[in-house]
């Protein structure tokens, strides 16, 4: 059975490889420290049925953010104050052995669910924000209805109302 849990010291970070060295290094060297310091939260997907249940299949990192409302689509920008709070999907990666098997979708939906939990129970946010690393990543986020922010095509936003429809 696959489960998503908060990254801790028992997870095998050293063997994770998503083919992006920046993401690999973040998981291996920084993510747990950020969890401990309260900077962000990194969640990992593992398979409890595996012989090695602490092997990381994929991960995502969330933090809170604040965005200038002028960067939102004009129809939304006029309805909000100068800055708006959001949840930032800082990183999302899947181990190369699991790519192409729907793991990214599992992680994305879980990130969306956690954004809803934050706004329903803990803090007001208006959506999920992400910085796509390149055009290919942007196309990936477009599949989930993320829209580019004004003047920043790789900065993207998914309103909370849309997230609720998706999940």
N, C-alpha and C. Protein backbone atom coordinates (compact mmCIF):
# COMPACT_ATOMS: atom_id res chain seq x y z
N UNK A 1 0.84 -1.17 0.00
CA UNK A 1 0.00 0.00 0.00
C UNK A 1 0.89 1.25 0.00
N UNK A 2 0.54 2.19 -0.84
CA UNK A 2 1.30 3.44 -0.91
C UNK A 2 0.73 4.43 0.10
N UNK A 3 1.65 5.11 0.81
CA UNK A 3 1.22 6.12 1.77
C UNK A 3 2.06 7.39 1.57
N UNK A 4 1.45 8.51 1.93
CA UNK A 4 2.15 9.79 1.90
C UNK A 4 2.30 10.24 3.34
N UNK A 5 3.54 10.55 3.71
CA UNK A 5 3.82 10.96 5.07
C UNK A 5 4.90 12.03 5.08
N UNK A 6 5.01 12.71 6.21
CA UNK A 6 6.02 13.74 6.37
C UNK A 6 7.40 13.09 6.35
N UNK A 7 8.31 13.68 5.59
CA UNK A 7 9.68 13.18 5.52
C UNK A 7 10.30 13.15 6.92
N UNK A 8 10.96 12.04 7.24
CA UNK A 8 11.70 11.98 8.50
C UNK A 8 13.02 11.24 8.26
N UNK A 9 13.80 11.07 9.33
CA UNK A 9 15.14 10.50 9.19
C UNK A 9 15.14 9.03 8.80
N UNK A 10 14.01 8.34 8.89
CA UNK A 10 13.97 6.93 8.52
C UNK A 10 13.83 6.71 7.01
N UNK A 11 13.49 7.75 6.27
CA UNK A 11 13.32 7.62 4.82
C UNK A 11 14.68 7.61 4.11
N UNK A 12 14.77 6.78 3.11
CA UNK A 12 16.02 6.63 2.34
C UNK A 12 16.12 7.74 1.29
N UNK A 13 16.69 8.86 1.68
CA UNK A 13 16.84 9.99 0.77
C UNK A 13 18.01 9.80 -0.19
N UNK A 14 19.04 9.09 0.25
CA UNK A 14 20.28 8.97 -0.53
C UNK A 14 20.07 8.32 -1.89
N UNK A 15 19.15 7.38 -1.98
CA UNK A 15 18.95 6.65 -3.23
C UNK A 15 17.93 7.30 -4.16
N UNK A 16 17.32 8.41 -3.74
CA UNK A 16 16.32 9.05 -4.58
C UNK A 16 16.99 9.70 -5.79
N UNK A 17 16.41 9.45 -6.98
CA UNK A 17 16.90 10.07 -8.21
C UNK A 17 15.72 10.32 -9.14
N UNK A 18 15.47 11.60 -9.40
CA UNK A 18 14.38 11.96 -10.31
C UNK A 18 14.93 12.48 -11.64
N UNK A 19 16.24 12.43 -11.80
CA UNK A 19 17.00 12.92 -12.97
C UNK A 19 17.19 14.43 -12.97
N UNK A 20 16.77 15.11 -11.91
CA UNK A 20 17.01 16.54 -11.77
C UNK A 20 17.88 16.72 -10.53
N UNK A 21 19.13 17.08 -10.74
CA UNK A 21 20.09 17.14 -9.65
C UNK A 21 19.69 18.13 -8.56
N UNK A 22 19.09 19.24 -8.97
CA UNK A 22 18.64 20.24 -7.99
C UNK A 22 17.61 19.63 -7.03
N UNK A 23 16.62 18.91 -7.58
CA UNK A 23 15.59 18.30 -6.74
C UNK A 23 16.15 17.16 -5.90
N UNK A 24 17.05 16.37 -6.50
CA UNK A 24 17.69 15.30 -5.74
C UNK A 24 18.44 15.87 -4.53
N UNK A 25 19.25 16.90 -4.78
CA UNK A 25 20.05 17.51 -3.71
C UNK A 25 19.15 18.13 -2.63
N UNK A 26 18.06 18.76 -3.06
CA UNK A 26 17.15 19.35 -2.08
C UNK A 26 16.62 18.27 -1.13
N UNK A 27 16.14 17.17 -1.69
CA UNK A 27 15.59 16.10 -0.85
C UNK A 27 16.68 15.52 0.05
N UNK A 28 17.85 15.28 -0.51
CA UNK A 28 18.91 14.60 0.23
C UNK A 28 19.56 15.48 1.30
N UNK A 29 19.67 16.78 1.06
CA UNK A 29 20.45 17.64 1.96
C UNK A 29 19.67 18.71 2.71
N UNK A 30 18.51 19.10 2.21
CA UNK A 30 17.87 20.29 2.76
C UNK A 30 16.47 20.06 3.30
N UNK A 31 15.69 19.21 2.69
CA UNK A 31 14.27 19.08 3.00
C UNK A 31 14.00 18.79 4.47
N UNK A 32 14.72 17.86 5.06
CA UNK A 32 14.48 17.51 6.46
C UNK A 32 14.82 18.67 7.39
N UNK A 33 15.88 19.40 7.06
CA UNK A 33 16.25 20.58 7.86
C UNK A 33 15.14 21.63 7.79
N UNK A 34 14.59 21.83 6.60
CA UNK A 34 13.50 22.80 6.45
C UNK A 34 12.27 22.34 7.24
N UNK A 35 11.99 21.04 7.24
CA UNK A 35 10.88 20.52 8.06
C UNK A 35 11.11 20.88 9.53
N UNK A 36 12.32 20.60 10.02
CA UNK A 36 12.63 20.83 11.43
C UNK A 36 12.57 22.30 11.80
N UNK A 37 12.96 23.18 10.90
CA UNK A 37 12.99 24.62 11.17
C UNK A 37 11.64 25.30 10.91
N UNK A 38 10.68 24.55 10.35
CA UNK A 38 9.37 25.12 10.08
C UNK A 38 9.32 25.99 8.83
N UNK A 39 10.31 25.88 7.97
CA UNK A 39 10.37 26.68 6.74
C UNK A 39 9.40 26.15 5.70
N UNK A 40 9.32 24.83 5.61
CA UNK A 40 8.42 24.17 4.67
C UNK A 40 8.15 22.77 5.19
N UNK A 41 7.30 22.06 4.47
CA UNK A 41 7.01 20.67 4.80
C UNK A 41 7.17 19.83 3.54
N UNK A 42 7.98 18.80 3.65
CA UNK A 42 8.17 17.87 2.53
C UNK A 42 7.50 16.56 2.88
N UNK A 43 6.66 16.11 1.97
CA UNK A 43 5.91 14.87 2.12
C UNK A 43 6.42 13.87 1.10
N UNK A 44 6.54 12.62 1.51
CA UNK A 44 7.06 11.58 0.64
C UNK A 44 6.04 10.47 0.44
N UNK A 45 6.08 9.88 -0.73
CA UNK A 45 5.25 8.73 -1.06
C UNK A 45 6.13 7.49 -0.97
N UNK A 46 5.70 6.53 -0.15
CA UNK A 46 6.42 5.26 -0.02
C UNK A 46 5.44 4.12 -0.23
N UNK A 47 5.97 2.92 -0.38
CA UNK A 47 5.14 1.73 -0.57
C UNK A 47 5.38 0.80 0.60
N UNK A 48 4.40 0.66 1.47
CA UNK A 48 4.56 -0.18 2.67
C UNK A 48 4.60 -1.66 2.32
N UNK A 49 4.14 -2.03 1.13
CA UNK A 49 4.18 -3.44 0.73
C UNK A 49 5.54 -3.83 0.17
N UNK A 50 6.38 -2.85 -0.07
CA UNK A 50 7.69 -3.09 -0.64
C UNK A 50 8.62 -3.75 0.38
N UNK A 51 9.64 -4.43 -0.13
CA UNK A 51 10.66 -4.98 0.75
C UNK A 51 11.43 -3.85 1.43
N UNK A 52 11.42 -2.69 0.80
CA UNK A 52 12.11 -1.51 1.33
C UNK A 52 11.09 -0.38 1.47
N UNK A 53 10.25 -0.41 2.52
CA UNK A 53 9.15 0.56 2.62
C UNK A 53 9.57 2.01 2.81
N UNK A 54 10.78 2.29 3.18
CA UNK A 54 11.20 3.67 3.38
C UNK A 54 11.90 4.24 2.15
N UNK A 55 11.81 3.52 1.03
CA UNK A 55 12.32 4.04 -0.24
C UNK A 55 11.32 5.07 -0.75
N UNK A 56 11.82 6.22 -1.16
CA UNK A 56 10.96 7.32 -1.58
C UNK A 56 10.62 7.18 -3.06
N UNK A 57 9.33 7.08 -3.36
CA UNK A 57 8.84 6.99 -4.73
C UNK A 57 8.73 8.38 -5.34
N UNK A 58 8.30 9.33 -4.53
CA UNK A 58 8.16 10.72 -4.98
C UNK A 58 7.97 11.62 -3.78
N UNK A 59 8.06 12.92 -4.02
CA UNK A 59 7.87 13.86 -2.92
C UNK A 59 7.34 15.18 -3.43
N UNK A 60 6.77 15.95 -2.51
CA UNK A 60 6.42 17.33 -2.79
C UNK A 60 6.66 18.16 -1.55
N UNK A 61 6.89 19.45 -1.75
CA UNK A 61 7.17 20.37 -0.66
C UNK A 61 6.18 21.52 -0.72
N UNK A 62 5.62 21.85 0.45
CA UNK A 62 4.67 22.95 0.57
C UNK A 62 5.18 23.99 1.56
N UNK A 63 4.86 25.23 1.30
CA UNK A 63 5.10 26.32 2.25
C UNK A 63 4.00 27.35 2.03
N UNK A 64 3.95 28.32 2.90
CA UNK A 64 3.01 29.42 2.70
C UNK A 64 3.72 30.53 1.94
N UNK A 65 2.95 31.33 1.23
CA UNK A 65 3.54 32.42 0.46
C UNK A 65 2.60 33.61 0.44
N UNK A 66 3.11 34.70 -0.07
CA UNK A 66 2.31 35.89 -0.26
C UNK A 66 2.63 36.43 -1.65
N UNK A 67 1.60 36.76 -2.39
CA UNK A 67 1.76 37.19 -3.79
C UNK A 67 1.06 38.54 -3.96
N UNK A 68 1.68 39.40 -4.72
CA UNK A 68 1.03 40.67 -5.04
C UNK A 68 -0.20 40.39 -5.89
N UNK A 69 -1.33 40.92 -5.51
CA UNK A 69 -2.57 40.64 -6.23
C UNK A 69 -2.53 41.15 -7.66
N UNK A 70 -1.70 42.15 -7.94
CA UNK A 70 -1.58 42.66 -9.31
C UNK A 70 -1.06 41.60 -10.27
N UNK A 71 -0.44 40.53 -9.75
CA UNK A 71 0.06 39.46 -10.59
C UNK A 71 -1.03 38.45 -10.96
N UNK A 72 -2.17 38.53 -10.25
CA UNK A 72 -3.28 37.63 -10.55
C UNK A 72 -3.98 38.07 -11.82
N UNK A 73 -4.77 37.19 -12.43
CA UNK A 73 -5.58 37.62 -13.58
C UNK A 73 -6.42 38.84 -13.17
N UNK A 74 -6.57 39.81 -14.07
CA UNK A 74 -7.27 41.06 -13.72
C UNK A 74 -8.65 40.86 -13.08
N UNK A 75 -9.38 39.85 -13.51
CA UNK A 75 -10.71 39.62 -12.93
C UNK A 75 -10.63 39.29 -11.44
N UNK A 76 -9.54 38.69 -11.01
CA UNK A 76 -9.35 38.37 -9.59
C UNK A 76 -8.65 39.50 -8.84
N UNK A 77 -7.68 40.11 -9.50
CA UNK A 77 -6.84 41.11 -8.84
C UNK A 77 -7.66 42.24 -8.23
N UNK A 78 -8.69 42.67 -8.93
CA UNK A 78 -9.48 43.80 -8.45
C UNK A 78 -10.30 43.47 -7.20
N UNK A 79 -10.46 42.20 -6.89
CA UNK A 79 -11.28 41.78 -5.76
C UNK A 79 -10.48 41.62 -4.46
N UNK A 80 -9.16 41.73 -4.55
CA UNK A 80 -8.33 41.41 -3.39
C UNK A 80 -7.46 42.59 -2.98
N UNK A 81 -6.94 42.54 -1.72
CA UNK A 81 -6.02 43.58 -1.28
C UNK A 81 -4.69 43.49 -2.03
N UNK A 82 -3.75 44.34 -1.71
CA UNK A 82 -2.48 44.41 -2.44
C UNK A 82 -1.71 43.10 -2.46
N UNK A 83 -1.78 42.34 -1.39
CA UNK A 83 -1.13 41.03 -1.36
C UNK A 83 -2.14 39.99 -0.89
N UNK A 84 -1.94 38.77 -1.35
CA UNK A 84 -2.84 37.67 -0.99
C UNK A 84 -2.01 36.47 -0.51
N UNK A 85 -2.54 35.74 0.47
CA UNK A 85 -1.83 34.56 0.96
C UNK A 85 -2.14 33.35 0.09
N UNK A 86 -1.17 32.44 0.04
CA UNK A 86 -1.37 31.21 -0.71
C UNK A 86 -0.51 30.09 -0.16
N UNK A 87 -0.70 28.93 -0.72
CA UNK A 87 0.15 27.78 -0.45
C UNK A 87 1.06 27.64 -1.65
N UNK A 88 2.34 27.46 -1.40
CA UNK A 88 3.32 27.34 -2.47
C UNK A 88 3.72 25.88 -2.61
N UNK A 89 3.51 25.34 -3.80
CA UNK A 89 4.02 24.02 -4.14
C UNK A 89 5.45 24.26 -4.61
N UNK A 90 6.39 24.14 -3.69
CA UNK A 90 7.77 24.51 -3.97
C UNK A 90 8.50 23.49 -4.82
N UNK A 91 8.20 22.23 -4.61
CA UNK A 91 8.87 21.17 -5.35
C UNK A 91 7.95 19.97 -5.48
N UNK A 92 8.10 19.25 -6.59
CA UNK A 92 7.38 18.01 -6.82
C UNK A 92 8.27 17.17 -7.72
N UNK A 93 8.56 15.93 -7.29
CA UNK A 93 9.44 15.07 -8.08
C UNK A 93 9.08 13.61 -7.88
N UNK A 94 9.34 12.83 -8.92
CA UNK A 94 9.06 11.39 -8.90
C UNK A 94 10.35 10.65 -9.26
N UNK A 95 10.66 9.61 -8.50
CA UNK A 95 11.83 8.78 -8.77
C UNK A 95 11.76 8.25 -10.20
N UNK A 96 12.90 8.22 -10.89
CA UNK A 96 12.89 7.82 -12.30
C UNK A 96 12.32 6.41 -12.51
N UNK A 97 12.44 5.54 -11.53
CA UNK A 97 11.88 4.19 -11.64
C UNK A 97 10.36 4.18 -11.62
N UNK A 98 9.74 5.28 -11.23
CA UNK A 98 8.30 5.37 -11.10
C UNK A 98 7.67 6.38 -12.05
N UNK A 99 8.47 7.07 -12.83
CA UNK A 99 7.92 8.09 -13.73
C UNK A 99 7.06 7.45 -14.81
N UNK A 100 6.00 8.15 -15.19
CA UNK A 100 5.08 7.66 -16.21
C UNK A 100 4.04 6.68 -15.68
N UNK A 101 3.92 6.57 -14.36
CA UNK A 101 2.98 5.61 -13.76
C UNK A 101 1.90 6.29 -12.91
N UNK A 102 1.70 7.58 -13.12
CA UNK A 102 0.64 8.29 -12.40
C UNK A 102 1.01 8.78 -11.01
N UNK A 103 2.26 8.67 -10.64
CA UNK A 103 2.69 9.09 -9.30
C UNK A 103 2.61 10.60 -9.16
N UNK A 104 2.98 11.34 -10.20
CA UNK A 104 2.89 12.79 -10.16
C UNK A 104 1.48 13.26 -9.87
N UNK A 105 0.51 12.59 -10.45
CA UNK A 105 -0.90 12.94 -10.22
C UNK A 105 -1.29 12.69 -8.77
N UNK A 106 -0.85 11.57 -8.21
CA UNK A 106 -1.13 11.25 -6.81
C UNK A 106 -0.57 12.36 -5.91
N UNK A 107 0.67 12.76 -6.18
CA UNK A 107 1.31 13.80 -5.37
C UNK A 107 0.61 15.14 -5.55
N UNK A 108 0.24 15.48 -6.78
CA UNK A 108 -0.43 16.75 -7.05
C UNK A 108 -1.77 16.83 -6.34
N UNK A 109 -2.56 15.78 -6.42
CA UNK A 109 -3.87 15.77 -5.76
C UNK A 109 -3.69 15.88 -4.24
N UNK A 110 -2.70 15.21 -3.70
CA UNK A 110 -2.45 15.31 -2.25
C UNK A 110 -2.04 16.73 -1.87
N UNK A 111 -1.22 17.38 -2.68
CA UNK A 111 -0.84 18.77 -2.41
C UNK A 111 -2.08 19.66 -2.42
N UNK A 112 -2.96 19.43 -3.38
CA UNK A 112 -4.21 20.20 -3.44
C UNK A 112 -5.06 19.97 -2.19
N UNK A 113 -5.18 18.73 -1.77
CA UNK A 113 -5.97 18.41 -0.58
C UNK A 113 -5.40 19.12 0.64
N UNK A 114 -4.10 19.15 0.74
CA UNK A 114 -3.47 19.80 1.89
C UNK A 114 -3.69 21.31 1.86
N UNK A 115 -3.74 21.91 0.67
CA UNK A 115 -4.04 23.34 0.56
C UNK A 115 -5.45 23.61 1.07
N UNK A 116 -6.38 22.74 0.75
CA UNK A 116 -7.75 22.89 1.23
C UNK A 116 -7.81 22.73 2.75
N UNK A 117 -7.09 21.76 3.28
CA UNK A 117 -7.06 21.56 4.73
C UNK A 117 -6.50 22.80 5.43
N UNK A 118 -5.46 23.38 4.86
CA UNK A 118 -4.88 24.59 5.46
C UNK A 118 -5.92 25.69 5.52
N UNK A 119 -6.61 25.93 4.43
CA UNK A 119 -7.58 27.03 4.41
C UNK A 119 -8.83 26.73 5.22
N UNK A 120 -9.23 25.48 5.29
CA UNK A 120 -10.43 25.13 6.06
C UNK A 120 -10.17 25.11 7.57
N UNK A 121 -8.94 24.81 7.98
CA UNK A 121 -8.69 24.58 9.39
C UNK A 121 -7.64 25.46 10.05
N UNK A 122 -6.77 26.09 9.26
CA UNK A 122 -5.61 26.72 9.89
C UNK A 122 -5.32 28.16 9.47
N UNK A 123 -5.40 28.47 8.21
CA UNK A 123 -5.05 29.81 7.74
C UNK A 123 -5.75 30.07 6.42
N UNK A 124 -6.12 31.31 6.20
CA UNK A 124 -6.76 31.65 4.93
C UNK A 124 -5.75 31.71 3.80
N UNK A 125 -6.06 31.05 2.72
CA UNK A 125 -5.25 31.13 1.49
C UNK A 125 -6.22 31.17 0.32
N UNK A 126 -5.77 31.72 -0.79
CA UNK A 126 -6.68 31.80 -1.93
C UNK A 126 -6.37 30.79 -3.02
N UNK A 127 -5.30 30.02 -2.85
CA UNK A 127 -5.01 29.01 -3.85
C UNK A 127 -3.62 28.45 -3.71
N UNK A 128 -3.24 27.69 -4.73
CA UNK A 128 -1.96 27.02 -4.79
C UNK A 128 -1.11 27.71 -5.84
N UNK A 129 0.11 28.09 -5.47
CA UNK A 129 1.03 28.76 -6.38
C UNK A 129 2.22 27.84 -6.66
N UNK A 130 2.79 27.96 -7.84
CA UNK A 130 3.95 27.17 -8.21
C UNK A 130 4.80 27.96 -9.19
N UNK A 131 6.09 27.77 -9.12
CA UNK A 131 7.01 28.32 -10.12
C UNK A 131 7.46 27.16 -11.01
N UNK A 132 6.93 27.09 -12.21
CA UNK A 132 7.33 26.04 -13.14
C UNK A 132 8.79 26.28 -13.54
N UNK A 133 9.61 25.23 -13.55
CA UNK A 133 11.03 25.42 -13.83
C UNK A 133 11.32 25.65 -15.30
N UNK A 134 10.42 25.23 -16.17
CA UNK A 134 10.62 25.42 -17.61
C UNK A 134 9.27 25.23 -18.32
N UNK A 135 9.30 25.35 -19.63
CA UNK A 135 8.07 25.25 -20.42
C UNK A 135 7.43 23.87 -20.30
N UNK A 136 8.22 22.83 -20.21
CA UNK A 136 7.68 21.47 -20.07
C UNK A 136 6.91 21.34 -18.75
N UNK A 137 7.49 21.89 -17.68
CA UNK A 137 6.81 21.85 -16.39
C UNK A 137 5.54 22.69 -16.44
N UNK A 138 5.59 23.81 -17.14
CA UNK A 138 4.40 24.66 -17.27
C UNK A 138 3.26 23.87 -17.92
N UNK A 139 3.57 23.13 -18.97
CA UNK A 139 2.55 22.33 -19.65
C UNK A 139 1.98 21.28 -18.69
N UNK A 140 2.82 20.72 -17.84
CA UNK A 140 2.35 19.75 -16.85
C UNK A 140 1.33 20.41 -15.92
N UNK A 141 1.66 21.57 -15.39
CA UNK A 141 0.75 22.26 -14.47
C UNK A 141 -0.52 22.74 -15.18
N UNK A 142 -0.42 23.05 -16.45
CA UNK A 142 -1.61 23.44 -17.22
C UNK A 142 -2.65 22.32 -17.24
N UNK A 143 -2.21 21.07 -17.19
CA UNK A 143 -3.14 19.94 -17.17
C UNK A 143 -4.05 19.95 -15.96
N UNK A 144 -3.58 20.61 -14.91
CA UNK A 144 -4.37 20.71 -13.68
C UNK A 144 -5.06 22.07 -13.55
N UNK A 145 -5.11 22.82 -14.65
CA UNK A 145 -5.79 24.12 -14.73
C UNK A 145 -5.04 25.27 -14.06
N UNK A 146 -3.76 25.10 -13.77
CA UNK A 146 -2.97 26.22 -13.29
C UNK A 146 -2.92 27.27 -14.40
N UNK A 147 -2.95 28.54 -14.02
CA UNK A 147 -2.86 29.65 -14.97
C UNK A 147 -1.62 30.47 -14.65
N UNK A 148 -1.00 31.01 -15.69
CA UNK A 148 0.18 31.85 -15.49
C UNK A 148 -0.21 33.18 -14.86
N UNK A 149 0.67 33.70 -14.02
CA UNK A 149 0.46 35.01 -13.43
C UNK A 149 0.83 36.08 -14.46
N UNK A 150 0.31 37.27 -14.24
CA UNK A 150 0.57 38.39 -15.15
C UNK A 150 2.06 38.66 -15.25
N UNK A 151 2.58 38.81 -16.44
CA UNK A 151 3.98 39.15 -16.71
C UNK A 151 4.99 38.11 -16.23
N UNK A 152 4.55 36.93 -15.81
CA UNK A 152 5.45 35.87 -15.34
C UNK A 152 4.89 34.52 -15.77
N UNK A 153 5.10 34.13 -17.01
CA UNK A 153 4.44 32.92 -17.51
C UNK A 153 4.80 31.63 -16.78
N UNK A 154 5.95 31.59 -16.09
CA UNK A 154 6.30 30.37 -15.37
C UNK A 154 5.86 30.39 -13.91
N UNK A 155 5.36 31.53 -13.43
CA UNK A 155 4.73 31.59 -12.11
C UNK A 155 3.26 31.29 -12.34
N UNK A 156 2.76 30.29 -11.63
CA UNK A 156 1.41 29.83 -11.92
C UNK A 156 0.56 29.75 -10.66
N UNK A 157 -0.77 29.74 -10.87
CA UNK A 157 -1.73 29.83 -9.79
C UNK A 157 -2.93 28.96 -10.08
N UNK A 158 -3.43 28.31 -9.03
CA UNK A 158 -4.64 27.51 -9.11
C UNK A 158 -5.57 27.96 -7.98
N UNK A 159 -6.69 28.62 -8.31
CA UNK A 159 -7.59 29.12 -7.27
C UNK A 159 -8.17 28.00 -6.42
N UNK A 160 -8.45 28.32 -5.18
CA UNK A 160 -9.00 27.35 -4.26
C UNK A 160 -10.32 26.77 -4.76
N UNK A 161 -11.15 27.60 -5.39
CA UNK A 161 -12.42 27.12 -5.93
C UNK A 161 -12.20 26.03 -6.98
N UNK A 162 -11.18 26.18 -7.80
CA UNK A 162 -10.86 25.18 -8.82
C UNK A 162 -10.34 23.90 -8.16
N UNK A 163 -9.51 24.07 -7.14
CA UNK A 163 -8.99 22.91 -6.41
C UNK A 163 -10.15 22.09 -5.84
N UNK A 164 -11.11 22.77 -5.26
CA UNK A 164 -12.27 22.06 -4.67
C UNK A 164 -13.02 21.28 -5.75
N UNK A 165 -13.13 21.81 -6.94
CA UNK A 165 -13.79 21.09 -8.04
C UNK A 165 -12.99 19.86 -8.46
N UNK A 166 -11.66 19.99 -8.48
CA UNK A 166 -10.80 18.89 -8.91
C UNK A 166 -10.83 17.74 -7.92
N UNK A 167 -10.75 18.08 -6.64
CA UNK A 167 -10.67 17.01 -5.63
C UNK A 167 -12.06 16.61 -5.15
